Amino acid sequence: MMDKWTFGLTMLIVGMGGTIATLILFSLIMSALKKIFPYKKEE
């Protein structure tokens, strides 16, 4: 019975960790792109 709970908890941690890691990766990519292509206002 505890094996099911352990598996569920592991999947929860892996899922949340994967989501957070993906968000961090996207924010790093966006900040790198902002440095490469700085925003210029149209005149």
PDB file of N, CA and C in Angstrom:
ATOM      1  N   MET A   1       0.828  -1.206   0.000  1.00  0.00           N
ATOM      2  CA  MET A   1       0.000   0.000   0.000  1.00  0.00           C
ATOM      3  C   MET A   1       0.863   1.256   0.000  1.00  0.00           C
ATOM      4  N   MET A   2       1.933   1.251   0.813  1.00  0.00           N
ATOM      5  CA  MET A   2       2.806   2.418   0.892  1.00  0.00           C
ATOM      6  C   MET A   2       3.566   2.630  -0.429  1.00  0.00           C
ATOM      7  N   ASP A   3       3.737   1.537  -1.178  1.00  0.00           N
ATOM      8  CA  ASP A   3       4.457   1.631  -2.442  1.00  0.00           C
ATOM      9  C   ASP A   3       3.712   2.559  -3.409  1.00  0.00           C
ATOM     10  N   LYS A   4       2.385   2.478  -3.427  1.00  0.00           N
ATOM     11  CA  LYS A   4       1.578   3.365  -4.275  1.00  0.00           C
ATOM     12  C   LYS A   4       1.778   4.822  -3.871  1.00  0.00           C
ATOM     13  N   TRP A   5       1.785   5.067  -2.550  1.00  0.00           N
ATOM     14  CA  TRP A   5       1.972   6.432  -2.049  1.00  0.00           C
ATOM     15  C   TRP A   5       3.355   6.959  -2.403  1.00  0.00           C
ATOM     16  N   THR A   6       4.378   6.095  -2.273  1.00  0.00           N
ATOM     17  CA  THR A   6       5.741   6.510  -2.611  1.00  0.00           C
ATOM     18  C   THR A   6       5.845   6.860  -4.082  1.00  0.00           C
ATOM     19  N   PHE A   7       5.237   6.032  -4.934  1.00  0.00           N
ATOM     20  CA  PHE A   7       5.254   6.300  -6.370  1.00  0.00           C
ATOM     21  C   PHE A   7       4.535   7.604  -6.687  1.00  0.00           C
ATOM     22  N   GLY A   8       3.382   7.829  -6.057  1.00  0.00           N
ATOM     23  CA  GLY A   8       2.627   9.061  -6.294  1.00  0.00           C
ATOM     24  C   GLY A   8       3.399  10.288  -5.871  1.00  0.00           C
ATOM     25  N   LEU A   9       4.043  10.199  -4.703  1.00  0.00           N
ATOM     26  CA  LEU A   9       4.833  11.331  -4.214  1.00  0.00           C
ATOM     27  C   LEU A   9       6.024  11.602  -5.129  1.00  0.00           C
ATOM     28  N   THR A  10       6.670  10.523  -5.591  1.00  0.00           N
ATOM     29  CA  THR A  10       7.802  10.675  -6.511  1.00  0.00           C
ATOM     30  C   THR A  10       7.359  11.356  -7.804  1.00  0.00           C
ATOM     31  N   MET A  11       6.227  10.911  -8.356  1.00  0.00           N
ATOM     32  CA  MET A  11       5.719  11.514  -9.592  1.00  0.00           C
ATOM     33  C   MET A  11       5.349  12.980  -9.378  1.00  0.00           C
ATOM     34  N   LEU A  12       4.795  13.307  -8.191  1.00  0.00           N
ATOM     35  CA  LEU A  12       4.445  14.690  -7.873  1.00  0.00           C
ATOM     36  C   LEU A  12       5.691  15.563  -7.863  1.00  0.00           C
ATOM     37  N   ILE A  13       6.740  15.092  -7.182  1.00  0.00           N
ATOM     38  CA  ILE A  13       7.979  15.869  -7.074  1.00  0.00           C
ATOM     39  C   ILE A  13       8.646  16.020  -8.446  1.00  0.00           C
ATOM     40  N   VAL A  14       8.685  14.916  -9.205  1.00  0.00           N
ATOM     41  CA  VAL A  14       9.294  14.968 -10.540  1.00  0.00           C
ATOM     42  C   VAL A  14       8.506  15.910 -11.457  1.00  0.00           C
ATOM     43  N   GLY A  15       7.185  15.848 -11.384  1.00  0.00           N
ATOM     44  CA  GLY A  15       6.355  16.707 -12.223  1.00  0.00           C
ATOM     45  C   GLY A  15       6.532  18.173 -11.890  1.00  0.00           C
ATOM     46  N   MET A  16       6.499  18.493 -10.587  1.00  0.00           N
ATOM     47  CA  MET A  16       6.681  19.889 -10.182  1.00  0.00           C
ATOM     48  C   MET A  16       8.095  20.372 -10.523  1.00  0.00           C
ATOM     49  N   GLY A  17       9.079  19.523 -10.276  1.00  0.00           N
ATOM     50  CA  GLY A  17      10.466  19.885 -10.594  1.00  0.00           C
ATOM     51  C   GLY A  17      10.658  20.118 -12.082  1.00  0.00           C
ATOM     52  N   GLY A  18      10.055  19.257 -12.894  1.00  0.00           N
ATOM     53  CA  GLY A  18      10.154  19.425 -14.344  1.00  0.00           C
ATOM     54  C   GLY A  18       9.505  20.706 -14.814  1.00  0.00           C
ATOM     55  N   THR A  19       8.344  21.036 -14.225  1.00  0.00           N
ATOM     56  CA  THR A  19       7.644  22.267 -14.589  1.00  0.00           C
ATOM     57  C   THR A  19       8.480  23.487 -14.216  1.00  0.00           C
ATOM     58  N   ILE A  20       9.021  23.501 -12.996  1.00  0.00           N
ATOM     59  CA  ILE A  20       9.836  24.638 -12.544  1.00  0.00           C
ATOM     60  C   ILE A  20      11.105  24.758 -13.388  1.00  0.00           C
ATOM     61  N   ALA A  21      11.732  23.613 -13.694  1.00  0.00           N
ATOM     62  CA  ALA A  21      12.955  23.631 -14.514  1.00  0.00           C
ATOM     63  C   ALA A  21      12.655  24.185 -15.905  1.00  0.00           C
ATOM     64  N   THR A  22      11.501  23.804 -16.492  1.00  0.00           N
ATOM     65  CA  THR A  22      11.119  24.311 -17.807  1.00  0.00           C
ATOM     66  C   THR A  22      10.891  25.821 -17.766  1.00  0.00           C
ATOM     67  N   LEU A  23      10.211  26.309 -16.713  1.00  0.00           N
ATOM     68  CA  LEU A  23       9.977  27.746 -16.585  1.00  0.00           C
ATOM     69  C   LEU A  23      11.293  28.512 -16.447  1.00  0.00           C
ATOM     70  N   ILE A  24      12.229  27.978 -15.653  1.00  0.00           N
ATOM     71  CA  ILE A  24      13.535  28.631 -15.498  1.00  0.00           C
ATOM     72  C   ILE A  24      14.271  28.654 -16.835  1.00  0.00           C
ATOM     73  N   LEU A  25      14.214  27.533 -17.560  1.00  0.00           N
ATOM     74  CA  LEU A  25      14.871  27.453 -18.870  1.00  0.00           C
ATOM     75  C   LEU A  25      14.298  28.484 -19.839  1.00  0.00           C
ATOM     76  N   PHE A  26      12.955  28.598 -19.883  1.00  0.00           N
ATOM     77  CA  PHE A  26      12.326  29.586 -20.766  1.00  0.00           C
ATOM     78  C   PHE A  26      12.714  31.016 -20.385  1.00  0.00           C
ATOM     79  N   SER A  27      12.775  31.311 -19.073  1.00  0.00           N
ATOM     80  CA  SER A  27      13.133  32.671 -18.668  1.00  0.00           C
ATOM     81  C   SER A  27      14.589  32.977 -19.021  1.00  0.00           C
ATOM     82  N   LEU A  28      15.465  31.978 -18.920  1.00  0.00           N
ATOM     83  CA  LEU A  28      16.863  32.188 -19.327  1.00  0.00           C
ATOM     84  C   LEU A  28      16.964  32.427 -20.829  1.00  0.00           C
ATOM     85  N   ILE A  29      16.220  31.664 -21.619  1.00  0.00           N
ATOM     86  CA  ILE A  29      16.224  31.847 -23.073  1.00  0.00           C
ATOM     87  C   ILE A  29      15.705  33.241 -23.434  1.00  0.00           C
ATOM     88  N   MET A  30      14.629  33.678 -22.753  1.00  0.00           N
ATOM     89  CA  MET A  30      14.066  34.998 -23.059  1.00  0.00           C
ATOM     90  C   MET A  30      15.025  36.116 -22.689  1.00  0.00           C
ATOM     91  N   SER A  31      15.703  36.002 -21.539  1.00  0.00           N
ATOM     92  CA  SER A  31      16.645  37.064 -21.166  1.00  0.00           C
ATOM     93  C   SER A  31      17.845  37.081 -22.119  1.00  0.00           C
ATOM     94  N   ALA A  32      18.269  35.913 -22.590  1.00  0.00           N
ATOM     95  CA  ALA A  32      19.360  35.866 -23.567  1.00  0.00           C
ATOM     96  C   ALA A  32      18.928  36.520 -24.877  1.00  0.00           C
ATOM     97  N   LEU A  33      17.688  36.238 -25.321  1.00  0.00           N
ATOM     98  CA  LEU A  33      17.194  36.845 -26.552  1.00  0.00           C
ATOM     99  C   LEU A  33      17.052  38.362 -26.405  1.00  0.00           C
ATOM    100  N   LYS A  34      16.666  38.831 -25.208  1.00  0.00           N
ATOM    101  CA  LYS A  34      16.567  40.282 -24.992  1.00  0.00           C
ATOM    102  C   LYS A  34      17.932  40.943 -25.087  1.00  0.00           C
ATOM    103  N   LYS A  35      18.983  40.232 -24.614  1.00  0.00           N
ATOM    104  CA  LYS A  35      20.332  40.789 -24.727  1.00  0.00           C
ATOM    105  C   LYS A  35      20.808  40.805 -26.176  1.00  0.00           C
ATOM    106  N   ILE A  36      20.448  39.746 -26.929  1.00  0.00           N
ATOM    107  CA  ILE A  36      20.865  39.662 -28.334  1.00  0.00           C
ATOM    108  C   ILE A  36      20.094  40.671 -29.185  1.00  0.00           C
ATOM    109  N   PHE A  37      18.769  40.766 -28.954  1.00  0.00           N
ATOM    110  CA  PHE A  37      17.929  41.681 -29.720  1.00  0.00           C
ATOM    111  C   PHE A  37      17.290  42.701 -28.777  1.00  0.00           C
ATOM    112  N   PRO A  38      17.997  43.780 -28.451  1.00  0.00           N
ATOM    113  CA  PRO A  38      17.420  44.762 -27.526  1.00  0.00           C
ATOM    114  C   PRO A  38      16.206  45.460 -28.138  1.00  0.00           C
ATOM    115  N   TYR A  39      15.256  45.823 -27.261  1.00  0.00           N
ATOM    116  CA  TYR A  39      14.015  46.444 -27.716  1.00  0.00           C
ATOM    117  C   TYR A  39      14.252  47.902 -28.070  1.00  0.00           C
ATOM    118  N   LYS A  40      13.813  48.282 -29.297  1.00  0.00           N
ATOM    119  CA  LYS A  40      13.946  49.671 -29.753  1.00  0.00           C
ATOM    120  C   LYS A  40      12.555  50.233 -30.026  1.00  0.00           C
ATOM    121  N   LYS A  41      12.273  51.412 -29.514  1.00  0.00           N
ATOM    122  CA  LYS A  41      10.971  52.040 -29.781  1.00  0.00           C
ATOM    123  C   LYS A  41      10.938  52.565 -31.209  1.00  0.00           C
ATOM    124  N   GLU A  42       9.801  52.396 -31.858  1.00  0.00           N
ATOM    125  CA  GLU A  42       9.648  52.938 -33.207  1.00  0.00           C
ATOM    126  C   GLU A  42       9.372  54.437 -33.113  1.00  0.00           C
ATOM    127  N   GLU A  43       9.948  55.165 -34.063  1.00  0.00           N
ATOM    128  CA  GLU A  43       9.803  56.624 -33.989  1.00  0.00           C
ATOM    129  C   GLU A  43       8.942  57.181 -35.115  1.00  0.00           C
TER     130      GLU A  43
END
